[in-house]
Amino acid sequence: MSSAHHQNLTDLEIVSCTPVHADVLAGLHGACFEKPWGTPSFKTFLEMPGGFGFAARLQEQPVGFILARIAQDEGEIISLGVLSNHRRRGFAEALVKAAESHLVKCEGQAMFLEVAENNLAAKSLYEALEYRTVGRREGYYKLQEGPVDALVLKRVVAAGSF
């Protein structure tokens, strides 16, 4: 790991989000995705039972987010985004690990997520974090270039799960 990479992670702050952060999260989502979610979607999600999120900040400026939920003993990453000029610096990994830690604190056993089959950067991240493909949803993402399959990934986060 380069010293610049390490320095950036040292300066990174991961903060828990509440519905009051919905505007900031919507802004980050809009900067990261071609079909952005509005503030009401984030507010509703963070108010629902099991819904949670974290934001990554550098010098008080938001640079990324993760949105997830817990049901029973399973977690699901709903959305993860890092601003383009801050990618490939370990921020997404830090956000995923924060969500996994929250799941473990809530006695969760496994984390799931869906990723577009053509999203090579995200697939590489999740593979490095030991997520494994457990399913596929054909044509799940309706993108400008046409329908793209979603891969369903899973990672066991707590001992004693299967």
C-alpha atoms as a PDB file:
ATOM      1  CA  MET A   1       0.000   0.000   0.000  1.00  0.00           C
ATOM      2  CA  SER A   2       1.453   3.366  -0.969  1.00  0.00           C
ATOM      3  CA  SER A   3       1.959   6.046   1.653  1.00  0.00           C
ATOM      4  CA  ALA A   4      -0.461   8.310  -0.234  1.00  0.00           C
ATOM      5  CA  HIS A   5      -3.096   5.558  -0.052  1.00  0.00           C
ATOM      6  CA  HIS A   6      -2.411   5.064   3.651  1.00  0.00           C
ATOM      7  CA  GLN A   7      -2.517   8.808   4.324  1.00  0.00           C
ATOM      8  CA  ASN A   8      -5.887   9.110   2.614  1.00  0.00           C
ATOM      9  CA  LEU A   9      -7.373   6.300   4.720  1.00  0.00           C
ATOM     10  CA  THR A  10      -5.922   7.880   7.864  1.00  0.00           C
ATOM     11  CA  ASP A  11      -7.788  11.091   7.011  1.00  0.00           C
ATOM     12  CA  LEU A  12     -11.017   9.250   6.167  1.00  0.00           C
ATOM     13  CA  GLU A  13     -13.877   9.525   8.635  1.00  0.00           C
ATOM     14  CA  ILE A  14     -16.783   7.059   8.512  1.00  0.00           C
ATOM     15  CA  VAL A  15     -19.954   8.494  10.057  1.00  0.00           C
ATOM     16  CA  SER A  16     -23.292   6.854  10.737  1.00  0.00           C
ATOM     17  CA  CYS A  17     -26.180   8.384   8.777  1.00  0.00           C
ATOM     18  CA  THR A  18     -29.671   9.261   9.956  1.00  0.00           C
ATOM     19  CA  PRO A  19     -32.633  10.650   7.993  1.00  0.00           C
ATOM     20  CA  VAL A  20     -31.203  14.157   8.515  1.00  0.00           C
ATOM     21  CA  HIS A  21     -28.390  13.173   6.103  1.00  0.00           C
ATOM     22  CA  ALA A  22     -30.805  12.335   3.250  1.00  0.00           C
ATOM     23  CA  ASP A  23     -29.924  15.462   1.205  1.00  0.00           C
ATOM     24  CA  VAL A  24     -26.194  14.728   1.365  1.00  0.00           C
ATOM     25  CA  LEU A  25     -26.719  11.062   0.452  1.00  0.00           C
ATOM     26  CA  ALA A  26     -28.979  11.981  -2.473  1.00  0.00           C
ATOM     27  CA  GLY A  27     -26.295  14.377  -3.730  1.00  0.00           C
ATOM     28  CA  LEU A  28     -23.614  11.692  -3.527  1.00  0.00           C
ATOM     29  CA  HIS A  29     -25.873   9.145  -5.218  1.00  0.00           C
ATOM     30  CA  GLY A  30     -26.629  11.599  -8.022  1.00  0.00           C
ATOM     31  CA  ALA A  31     -22.906  12.160  -8.602  1.00  0.00           C
ATOM     32  CA  CYS A  32     -22.219   8.404  -8.717  1.00  0.00           C
ATOM     33  CA  PHE A  33     -25.135   6.889 -10.682  1.00  0.00           C
ATOM     34  CA  GLU A  34     -26.979   7.568 -13.914  1.00  0.00           C
ATOM     35  CA  LYS A  35     -30.405   7.082 -12.241  1.00  0.00           C
ATOM     36  CA  PRO A  36     -30.160   9.022  -8.964  1.00  0.00           C
ATOM     37  CA  TRP A  37     -32.482   8.567  -6.011  1.00  0.00           C
ATOM     38  CA  GLY A  38     -34.074  11.635  -4.460  1.00  0.00           C
ATOM     39  CA  THR A  39     -33.857  12.855  -0.883  1.00  0.00           C
ATOM     40  CA  PRO A  40     -37.255  11.310   0.086  1.00  0.00           C
ATOM     41  CA  SER A  41     -36.005   7.832  -0.880  1.00  0.00           C
ATOM     42  CA  PHE A  42     -33.003   8.132   1.427  1.00  0.00           C
ATOM     43  CA  LYS A  43     -35.073   9.602   4.250  1.00  0.00           C
ATOM     44  CA  THR A  44     -37.646   6.786   4.010  1.00  0.00           C
ATOM     45  CA  PHE A  45     -34.954   4.107   3.807  1.00  0.00           C
ATOM     46  CA  LEU A  46     -33.085   5.360   6.888  1.00  0.00           C
ATOM     47  CA  GLU A  47     -36.358   5.588   8.859  1.00  0.00           C
ATOM     48  CA  MET A  48     -37.405   1.993   8.172  1.00  0.00           C
ATOM     49  CA  PRO A  49     -36.577  -0.809  10.617  1.00  0.00           C
ATOM     50  CA  GLY A  50     -33.215  -2.365   9.781  1.00  0.00           C
ATOM     51  CA  GLY A  51     -32.174   0.395   7.356  1.00  0.00           C
ATOM     52  CA  PHE A  52     -28.800   2.032   7.965  1.00  0.00           C
ATOM     53  CA  GLY A  53     -26.058   3.917   6.199  1.00  0.00           C
ATOM     54  CA  PHE A  54     -22.605   5.383   6.542  1.00  0.00           C
ATOM     55  CA  ALA A  55     -20.916   8.298   4.839  1.00  0.00           C
ATOM     56  CA  ALA A  56     -17.205   8.649   4.170  1.00  0.00           C
ATOM     57  CA  ARG A  57     -15.782  12.138   4.755  1.00  0.00           C
ATOM     58  CA  LEU A  58     -12.435  13.721   4.005  1.00  0.00           C
ATOM     59  CA  GLN A  59     -11.808  17.032   5.752  1.00  0.00           C
ATOM     60  CA  GLU A  60     -15.524  17.312   6.560  1.00  0.00           C
ATOM     61  CA  GLN A  61     -16.463  16.814   2.867  1.00  0.00           C
ATOM     62  CA  PRO A  62     -18.608  13.782   1.948  1.00  0.00           C
ATOM     63  CA  VAL A  63     -16.889  11.587  -0.646  1.00  0.00           C
ATOM     64  CA  GLY A  64     -18.865   8.342  -0.493  1.00  0.00           C
ATOM     65  CA  PHE A  65     -21.688   6.410   1.121  1.00  0.00           C
ATOM     66  CA  ILE A  66     -23.107   2.964   1.742  1.00  0.00           C
ATOM     67  CA  LEU A  67     -26.748   2.120   2.328  1.00  0.00           C
ATOM     68  CA  ALA A  68     -27.715  -1.275   3.742  1.00  0.00           C
ATOM     69  CA  ARG A  69     -30.405  -3.074   5.673  1.00  0.00           C
ATOM     70  CA  ILE A  70     -30.706  -5.947   8.081  1.00  0.00           C
ATOM     71  CA  ALA A  71     -33.525  -8.485   8.152  1.00  0.00           C
ATOM     72  CA  GLN A  72     -33.326 -11.377  10.610  1.00  0.00           C
ATOM     73  CA  ASP A  73     -29.656 -12.434  10.554  1.00  0.00           C
ATOM     74  CA  GLU A  74     -28.853 -11.231   7.036  1.00  0.00           C
ATOM     75  CA  GLY A  75     -27.677  -7.904   5.725  1.00  0.00           C
ATOM     76  CA  GLU A  76     -27.978  -6.487   2.238  1.00  0.00           C
ATOM     77  CA  ILE A  77     -25.944  -3.702   0.706  1.00  0.00           C
ATOM     78  CA  ILE A  78     -28.449  -1.613  -1.229  1.00  0.00           C
ATOM     79  CA  SER A  79     -26.143   1.038  -2.681  1.00  0.00           C
ATOM     80  CA  LEU A  80     -22.475   1.979  -2.468  1.00  0.00           C
ATOM     81  CA  GLY A  81     -20.869   4.946  -4.164  1.00  0.00           C
ATOM     82  CA  VAL A  82     -17.649   6.947  -4.040  1.00  0.00           C
ATOM     83  CA  LEU A  83     -17.162  10.195  -5.957  1.00  0.00           C
ATOM     84  CA  SER A  84     -15.147   9.520  -9.130  1.00  0.00           C
ATOM     85  CA  ASN A  85     -12.157  11.661  -8.102  1.00  0.00           C
ATOM     86  CA  HIS A  86     -11.835   9.668  -4.837  1.00  0.00           C
ATOM     87  CA  ARG A  87     -12.085   6.125  -6.220  1.00  0.00           C
ATOM     88  CA  ARG A  88      -9.400   3.439  -5.968  1.00  0.00           C
ATOM     89  CA  ARG A  89      -8.178   4.765  -2.614  1.00  0.00           C
ATOM     90  CA  GLY A  90      -9.765   2.214  -0.260  1.00  0.00           C
ATOM     91  CA  PHE A  91     -12.824   4.301   0.620  1.00  0.00           C
ATOM     92  CA  ALA A  92     -15.412   1.831  -0.734  1.00  0.00           C
ATOM     93  CA  GLU A  93     -13.688  -0.984   1.143  1.00  0.00           C
ATOM     94  CA  ALA A  94     -13.813   1.057   4.365  1.00  0.00           C
ATOM     95  CA  LEU A  95     -17.545   1.664   3.849  1.00  0.00           C
ATOM     96  CA  VAL A  96     -18.258  -2.042   3.198  1.00  0.00           C
ATOM     97  CA  LYS A  97     -16.302  -2.995   6.318  1.00  0.00           C
ATOM     98  CA  ALA A  98     -18.279  -0.446   8.375  1.00  0.00           C
ATOM     99  CA  ALA A  99     -21.547  -1.994   7.143  1.00  0.00           C
ATOM    100  CA  GLU A 100     -20.273  -5.511   7.880  1.00  0.00           C
ATOM    101  CA  SER A 101     -19.217  -4.449  11.401  1.00  0.00           C
ATOM    102  CA  HIS A 102     -22.683  -3.015  12.016  1.00  0.00           C
ATOM    103  CA  LEU A 103     -24.236  -6.285  10.819  1.00  0.00           C
ATOM    104  CA  VAL A 104     -22.040  -8.318  13.185  1.00  0.00           C
ATOM    105  CA  LYS A 105     -22.968  -6.012  16.109  1.00  0.00           C
ATOM    106  CA  CYS A 106     -26.605  -6.769  15.264  1.00  0.00           C
ATOM    107  CA  GLU A 107     -25.805 -10.510  15.344  1.00  0.00           C
ATOM    108  CA  GLY A 108     -25.995 -10.855  11.580  1.00  0.00           C
ATOM    109  CA  GLN A 109     -24.419 -13.818   9.828  1.00  0.00           C
ATOM    110  CA  ALA A 110     -24.058 -12.931   6.151  1.00  0.00           C
ATOM    111  CA  MET A 111     -24.070  -9.900   3.866  1.00  0.00           C
ATOM    112  CA  PHE A 112     -25.622  -9.975   0.398  1.00  0.00           C
ATOM    113  CA  LEU A 113     -25.579  -7.538  -2.500  1.00  0.00           C
ATOM    114  CA  GLU A 114     -26.306  -7.267  -6.200  1.00  0.00           C
ATOM    115  CA  VAL A 115     -23.788  -5.913  -8.679  1.00  0.00           C
ATOM    116  CA  ALA A 116     -24.088  -5.299 -12.414  1.00  0.00           C
ATOM    117  CA  GLU A 117     -22.202  -8.006 -14.284  1.00  0.00           C
ATOM    118  CA  ASN A 118     -20.422  -5.344 -16.367  1.00  0.00           C
ATOM    119  CA  ASN A 119     -19.281  -3.284 -13.340  1.00  0.00           C
ATOM    120  CA  LEU A 120     -15.723  -4.599 -13.313  1.00  0.00           C
ATOM    121  CA  ALA A 121     -14.415  -2.207 -10.642  1.00  0.00           C
ATOM    122  CA  ALA A 122     -17.161  -3.156  -8.175  1.00  0.00           C
ATOM    123  CA  LYS A 123     -16.810  -6.861  -8.942  1.00  0.00           C
ATOM    124  CA  SER A 124     -13.072  -6.607  -8.298  1.00  0.00           C
ATOM    125  CA  LEU A 125     -13.685  -4.863  -4.956  1.00  0.00           C
ATOM    126  CA  TYR A 126     -16.187  -7.466  -3.794  1.00  0.00           C
ATOM    127  CA  GLU A 127     -13.991 -10.349  -4.921  1.00  0.00           C
ATOM    128  CA  ALA A 128     -11.082  -8.885  -2.918  1.00  0.00           C
ATOM    129  CA  LEU A 129     -13.422  -8.687   0.101  1.00  0.00           C
ATOM    130  CA  GLU A 130     -14.272 -12.410  -0.321  1.00  0.00           C
ATOM    131  CA  TYR A 131     -17.801 -12.025  -1.664  1.00  0.00           C
ATOM    132  CA  ARG A 132     -18.870 -15.009  -3.766  1.00  0.00           C
ATOM    133  CA  THR A 133     -21.494 -15.292  -6.505  1.00  0.00           C
ATOM    134  CA  VAL A 134     -24.570 -17.185  -5.300  1.00  0.00           C
ATOM    135  CA  GLY A 135     -27.083 -16.184  -7.991  1.00  0.00           C
ATOM    136  CA  ARG A 136     -27.938 -14.145 -11.063  1.00  0.00           C
ATOM    137  CA  ARG A 137     -30.880 -11.912 -11.991  1.00  0.00           C
ATOM    138  CA  GLU A 138     -31.184 -11.661 -15.751  1.00  0.00           C
ATOM    139  CA  GLY A 139     -31.718  -8.153 -17.145  1.00  0.00           C
ATOM    140  CA  TYR A 140     -32.026  -6.701 -13.635  1.00  0.00           C
ATOM    141  CA  TYR A 141     -30.352  -3.378 -14.407  1.00  0.00           C
ATOM    142  CA  LYS A 142     -31.961  -1.242 -17.107  1.00  0.00           C
ATOM    143  CA  LEU A 143     -29.005   0.856 -18.240  1.00  0.00           C
ATOM    144  CA  GLN A 144     -28.482   3.155 -21.226  1.00  0.00           C
ATOM    145  CA  GLU A 145     -26.599   0.407 -23.042  1.00  0.00           C
ATOM    146  CA  GLY A 146     -29.515  -1.983 -22.413  1.00  0.00           C
ATOM    147  CA  PRO A 147     -30.394  -4.594 -19.790  1.00  0.00           C
ATOM    148  CA  VAL A 148     -27.513  -5.972 -17.720  1.00  0.00           C
ATOM    149  CA  ASP A 149     -27.595  -9.029 -15.468  1.00  0.00           C
ATOM    150  CA  ALA A 150     -27.099  -8.625 -11.728  1.00  0.00           C
ATOM    151  CA  LEU A 151     -24.846 -11.026  -9.890  1.00  0.00           C
ATOM    152  CA  VAL A 152     -26.029 -11.844  -6.374  1.00  0.00           C
ATOM    153  CA  LEU A 153     -23.018 -11.979  -4.051  1.00  0.00           C
ATOM    154  CA  LYS A 154     -22.703 -13.190  -0.476  1.00  0.00           C
ATOM    155  CA  ARG A 155     -20.083 -13.018   2.256  1.00  0.00           C
ATOM    156  CA  VAL A 156     -20.274 -14.793   5.599  1.00  0.00           C
ATOM    157  CA  VAL A 157     -19.399 -12.207   8.252  1.00  0.00           C
ATOM    158  CA  ALA A 158     -19.878 -14.187  11.479  1.00  0.00           C
ATOM    159  CA  ALA A 159     -18.712 -17.572  12.670  1.00  0.00           C
ATOM    160  CA  GLY A 160     -21.250 -20.341  12.868  1.00  0.00           C
ATOM    161  CA  SER A 161     -23.246 -19.303   9.789  1.00  0.00           C
ATOM    162  CA  PHE A 162     -23.742 -21.213   6.599  1.00  0.00           C
END
